[in-house]
């Protein structure tokens, strides 16, 4: 599995501790040092079954500074992917990517349910 995080994010730290405590093996990736590409985001959106807007970090400073709450509805999907690809801080985290699933944000019950299916 691929675990995408921002190390200073407390939710990411909590998710990582949870993964470690549950003996999950994963590859760690720093979202700011290695932004997800538009191609990766397209594949993850497809795999997750979630709408693209769920991949935006709506509580982030950058999201608020750019007034994306008002701008996103009028943007094309291509423009949204380009925006997400431009700065990892716009992407909701943590992300956990498995062979046939993508989890966006950390919800312990959701992660536990999904990972128990993998074993």
C-alpha atoms as a PDB file:
ATOM      1  CA  UNK A   1       0.000   0.000   0.000  1.00  0.00           C
ATOM      2  CA  UNK A   2       1.015   3.584  -0.530  1.00  0.00           C
ATOM      3  CA  UNK A   3       0.529   5.971   2.391  1.00  0.00           C
ATOM      4  CA  UNK A   4       0.599   9.617   1.366  1.00  0.00           C
ATOM      5  CA  UNK A   5       1.000  12.071   4.191  1.00  0.00           C
ATOM      6  CA  UNK A   6       2.175  15.454   5.342  1.00  0.00           C
ATOM      7  CA  UNK A   7       4.337  14.578   8.376  1.00  0.00           C
ATOM      8  CA  UNK A   8       3.309  17.693  10.363  1.00  0.00           C
ATOM      9  CA  UNK A   9      -0.402  16.865   9.955  1.00  0.00           C
ATOM     10  CA  UNK A  10      -1.766  15.435  13.213  1.00  0.00           C
ATOM     11  CA  UNK A  11      -4.383  13.340  11.396  1.00  0.00           C
ATOM     12  CA  UNK A  12      -1.619  11.819   9.250  1.00  0.00           C
ATOM     13  CA  UNK A  13       0.430  11.050  12.375  1.00  0.00           C
ATOM     14  CA  UNK A  14      -2.603   9.378  13.948  1.00  0.00           C
ATOM     15  CA  UNK A  15      -3.238   7.316  10.795  1.00  0.00           C
ATOM     16  CA  UNK A  16       0.404   6.245  10.591  1.00  0.00           C
ATOM     17  CA  UNK A  17       0.403   5.143  14.249  1.00  0.00           C
ATOM     18  CA  UNK A  18      -2.788   3.211  13.569  1.00  0.00           C
ATOM     19  CA  UNK A  19      -1.277   1.487  10.505  1.00  0.00           C
ATOM     20  CA  UNK A  20       1.854   0.570  12.480  1.00  0.00           C
ATOM     21  CA  UNK A  21      -0.178  -0.698  15.445  1.00  0.00           C
ATOM     22  CA  UNK A  22      -2.189  -2.883  13.081  1.00  0.00           C
ATOM     23  CA  UNK A  23       0.900  -4.348  11.425  1.00  0.00           C
ATOM     24  CA  UNK A  24       0.128  -2.910   7.997  1.00  0.00           C
ATOM     25  CA  UNK A  25       3.019  -2.634   5.574  1.00  0.00           C
ATOM     26  CA  UNK A  26       3.127   0.446   3.399  1.00  0.00           C
ATOM     27  CA  UNK A  27       5.380   2.789   1.490  1.00  0.00           C
ATOM     28  CA  UNK A  28       5.462   6.294   2.906  1.00  0.00           C
ATOM     29  CA  UNK A  29       5.339   9.357   0.640  1.00  0.00           C
ATOM     30  CA  UNK A  30       5.606  13.010   1.680  1.00  0.00           C
ATOM     31  CA  UNK A  31       2.852  14.887  -0.194  1.00  0.00           C
ATOM     32  CA  UNK A  32       4.727  18.208  -0.254  1.00  0.00           C
ATOM     33  CA  UNK A  33       7.993  16.727  -1.543  1.00  0.00           C
ATOM     34  CA  UNK A  34       6.299  14.525  -4.139  1.00  0.00           C
ATOM     35  CA  UNK A  35       2.979  16.009  -5.247  1.00  0.00           C
ATOM     36  CA  UNK A  36       0.493  13.577  -6.733  1.00  0.00           C
ATOM     37  CA  UNK A  37       0.305  13.924 -10.510  1.00  0.00           C
ATOM     38  CA  UNK A  38      -2.943  14.516 -12.371  1.00  0.00           C
ATOM     39  CA  UNK A  39      -2.656  10.956 -13.757  1.00  0.00           C
ATOM     40  CA  UNK A  40      -2.317   9.490 -10.254  1.00  0.00           C
ATOM     41  CA  UNK A  41      -5.238  11.580  -9.013  1.00  0.00           C
ATOM     42  CA  UNK A  42      -7.425  10.429 -11.927  1.00  0.00           C
ATOM     43  CA  UNK A  43      -6.630   6.784 -11.173  1.00  0.00           C
ATOM     44  CA  UNK A  44      -7.247   7.250  -7.451  1.00  0.00           C
ATOM     45  CA  UNK A  45     -10.530   9.068  -8.004  1.00  0.00           C
ATOM     46  CA  UNK A  46     -11.661   6.225 -10.264  1.00  0.00           C
ATOM     47  CA  UNK A  47     -10.624   3.581  -7.730  1.00  0.00           C
ATOM     48  CA  UNK A  48     -12.169   5.417  -4.781  1.00  0.00           C
ATOM     49  CA  UNK A  49     -15.573   5.994  -6.366  1.00  0.00           C
ATOM     50  CA  UNK A  50     -15.569   9.440  -4.732  1.00  0.00           C
ATOM     51  CA  UNK A  51     -16.299  12.758  -6.428  1.00  0.00           C
ATOM     52  CA  UNK A  52     -13.186  14.796  -7.241  1.00  0.00           C
ATOM     53  CA  UNK A  53     -14.093  17.487  -4.703  1.00  0.00           C
ATOM     54  CA  UNK A  54     -13.435  14.934  -1.911  1.00  0.00           C
ATOM     55  CA  UNK A  55      -9.736  15.063  -2.857  1.00  0.00           C
ATOM     56  CA  UNK A  56      -9.457  18.752  -1.905  1.00  0.00           C
ATOM     57  CA  UNK A  57      -8.124  19.701   1.518  1.00  0.00           C
ATOM     58  CA  UNK A  58     -11.009  22.030   2.342  1.00  0.00           C
ATOM     59  CA  UNK A  59      -9.636  22.892   5.780  1.00  0.00           C
ATOM     60  CA  UNK A  60      -6.225  23.934   4.442  1.00  0.00           C
ATOM     61  CA  UNK A  61      -4.982  27.517   4.428  1.00  0.00           C
ATOM     62  CA  UNK A  62      -4.196  27.448   0.721  1.00  0.00           C
ATOM     63  CA  UNK A  63      -7.716  26.261  -0.123  1.00  0.00           C
ATOM     64  CA  UNK A  64      -9.144  29.147   1.876  1.00  0.00           C
ATOM     65  CA  UNK A  65      -6.668  31.741   0.555  1.00  0.00           C
ATOM     66  CA  UNK A  66      -7.518  30.770  -3.024  1.00  0.00           C
ATOM     67  CA  UNK A  67     -11.265  30.955  -2.233  1.00  0.00           C
ATOM     68  CA  UNK A  68     -11.731  27.545  -3.828  1.00  0.00           C
ATOM     69  CA  UNK A  69     -15.048  26.941  -2.112  1.00  0.00           C
ATOM     70  CA  UNK A  70     -16.524  29.546  -4.474  1.00  0.00           C
ATOM     71  CA  UNK A  71     -14.324  28.780  -7.478  1.00  0.00           C
ATOM     72  CA  UNK A  72     -14.449  24.968  -7.705  1.00  0.00           C
ATOM     73  CA  UNK A  73     -18.069  24.625  -8.883  1.00  0.00           C
ATOM     74  CA  UNK A  74     -17.345  26.639 -12.030  1.00  0.00           C
ATOM     75  CA  UNK A  75     -14.026  24.909 -12.813  1.00  0.00           C
ATOM     76  CA  UNK A  76     -13.708  22.035 -15.254  1.00  0.00           C
ATOM     77  CA  UNK A  77     -12.460  18.686 -14.005  1.00  0.00           C
ATOM     78  CA  UNK A  78      -9.211  19.263 -15.949  1.00  0.00           C
ATOM     79  CA  UNK A  79      -8.674  22.597 -14.170  1.00  0.00           C
ATOM     80  CA  UNK A  80      -9.316  20.921 -10.829  1.00  0.00           C
ATOM     81  CA  UNK A  81      -6.776  18.171 -11.543  1.00  0.00           C
ATOM     82  CA  UNK A  82      -4.217  20.786 -12.622  1.00  0.00           C
ATOM     83  CA  UNK A  83      -4.815  22.686  -9.388  1.00  0.00           C
ATOM     84  CA  UNK A  84      -4.463  19.577  -7.195  1.00  0.00           C
ATOM     85  CA  UNK A  85      -1.309  18.587  -9.062  1.00  0.00           C
ATOM     86  CA  UNK A  86       0.203  22.066  -8.572  1.00  0.00           C
ATOM     87  CA  UNK A  87       0.511  21.856  -4.780  1.00  0.00           C
ATOM     88  CA  UNK A  88       0.295  18.837  -2.476  1.00  0.00           C
ATOM     89  CA  UNK A  89      -1.129  21.049   0.266  1.00  0.00           C
ATOM     90  CA  UNK A  90      -4.388  21.293  -1.719  1.00  0.00           C
ATOM     91  CA  UNK A  91      -4.851  17.515  -1.565  1.00  0.00           C
ATOM     92  CA  UNK A  92      -6.777  15.970   1.322  1.00  0.00           C
ATOM     93  CA  UNK A  93      -4.609  13.674   3.357  1.00  0.00           C
ATOM     94  CA  UNK A  94      -3.739  11.136   4.425  1.00  0.00           C
ATOM     95  CA  UNK A  95      -4.349   8.961   1.402  1.00  0.00           C
ATOM     96  CA  UNK A  96      -4.050   5.198   1.554  1.00  0.00           C
ATOM     97  CA  UNK A  97      -3.832   3.527  -1.822  1.00  0.00           C
ATOM     98  CA  UNK A  98      -4.150  -0.220  -2.149  1.00  0.00           C
ATOM     99  CA  UNK A  99      -4.422  -2.473  -5.167  1.00  0.00           C
ATOM    100  CA  UNK A 100      -8.171  -2.009  -5.516  1.00  0.00           C
ATOM    101  CA  UNK A 101      -9.059   0.797  -3.121  1.00  0.00           C
ATOM    102  CA  UNK A 102      -8.259   4.378  -2.151  1.00  0.00           C
ATOM    103  CA  UNK A 103      -9.068   5.847   1.257  1.00  0.00           C
ATOM    104  CA  UNK A 104      -9.125   9.639   1.539  1.00  0.00           C
ATOM    105  CA  UNK A 105      -8.717  11.184   4.985  1.00  0.00           C
ATOM    106  CA  UNK A 106      -8.443   9.072   8.130  1.00  0.00           C
ATOM    107  CA  UNK A 107     -11.586   7.529   9.556  1.00  0.00           C
ATOM    108  CA  UNK A 108     -10.502   4.655  11.774  1.00  0.00           C
ATOM    109  CA  UNK A 109     -13.660   2.557  11.329  1.00  0.00           C
ATOM    110  CA  UNK A 110     -13.511   2.906   7.538  1.00  0.00           C
ATOM    111  CA  UNK A 111      -9.809   2.021   7.416  1.00  0.00           C
ATOM    112  CA  UNK A 112     -10.270  -0.927   9.798  1.00  0.00           C
ATOM    113  CA  UNK A 113     -13.154  -2.283   7.722  1.00  0.00           C
ATOM    114  CA  UNK A 114     -11.274  -1.917   4.471  1.00  0.00           C
ATOM    115  CA  UNK A 115      -8.000  -3.378   5.708  1.00  0.00           C
ATOM    116  CA  UNK A 116      -9.700  -6.348   7.350  1.00  0.00           C
ATOM    117  CA  UNK A 117     -10.999  -7.255   3.881  1.00  0.00           C
ATOM    118  CA  UNK A 118      -7.409  -7.252   2.578  1.00  0.00           C
ATOM    119  CA  UNK A 119      -6.128  -9.869   5.012  1.00  0.00           C
END
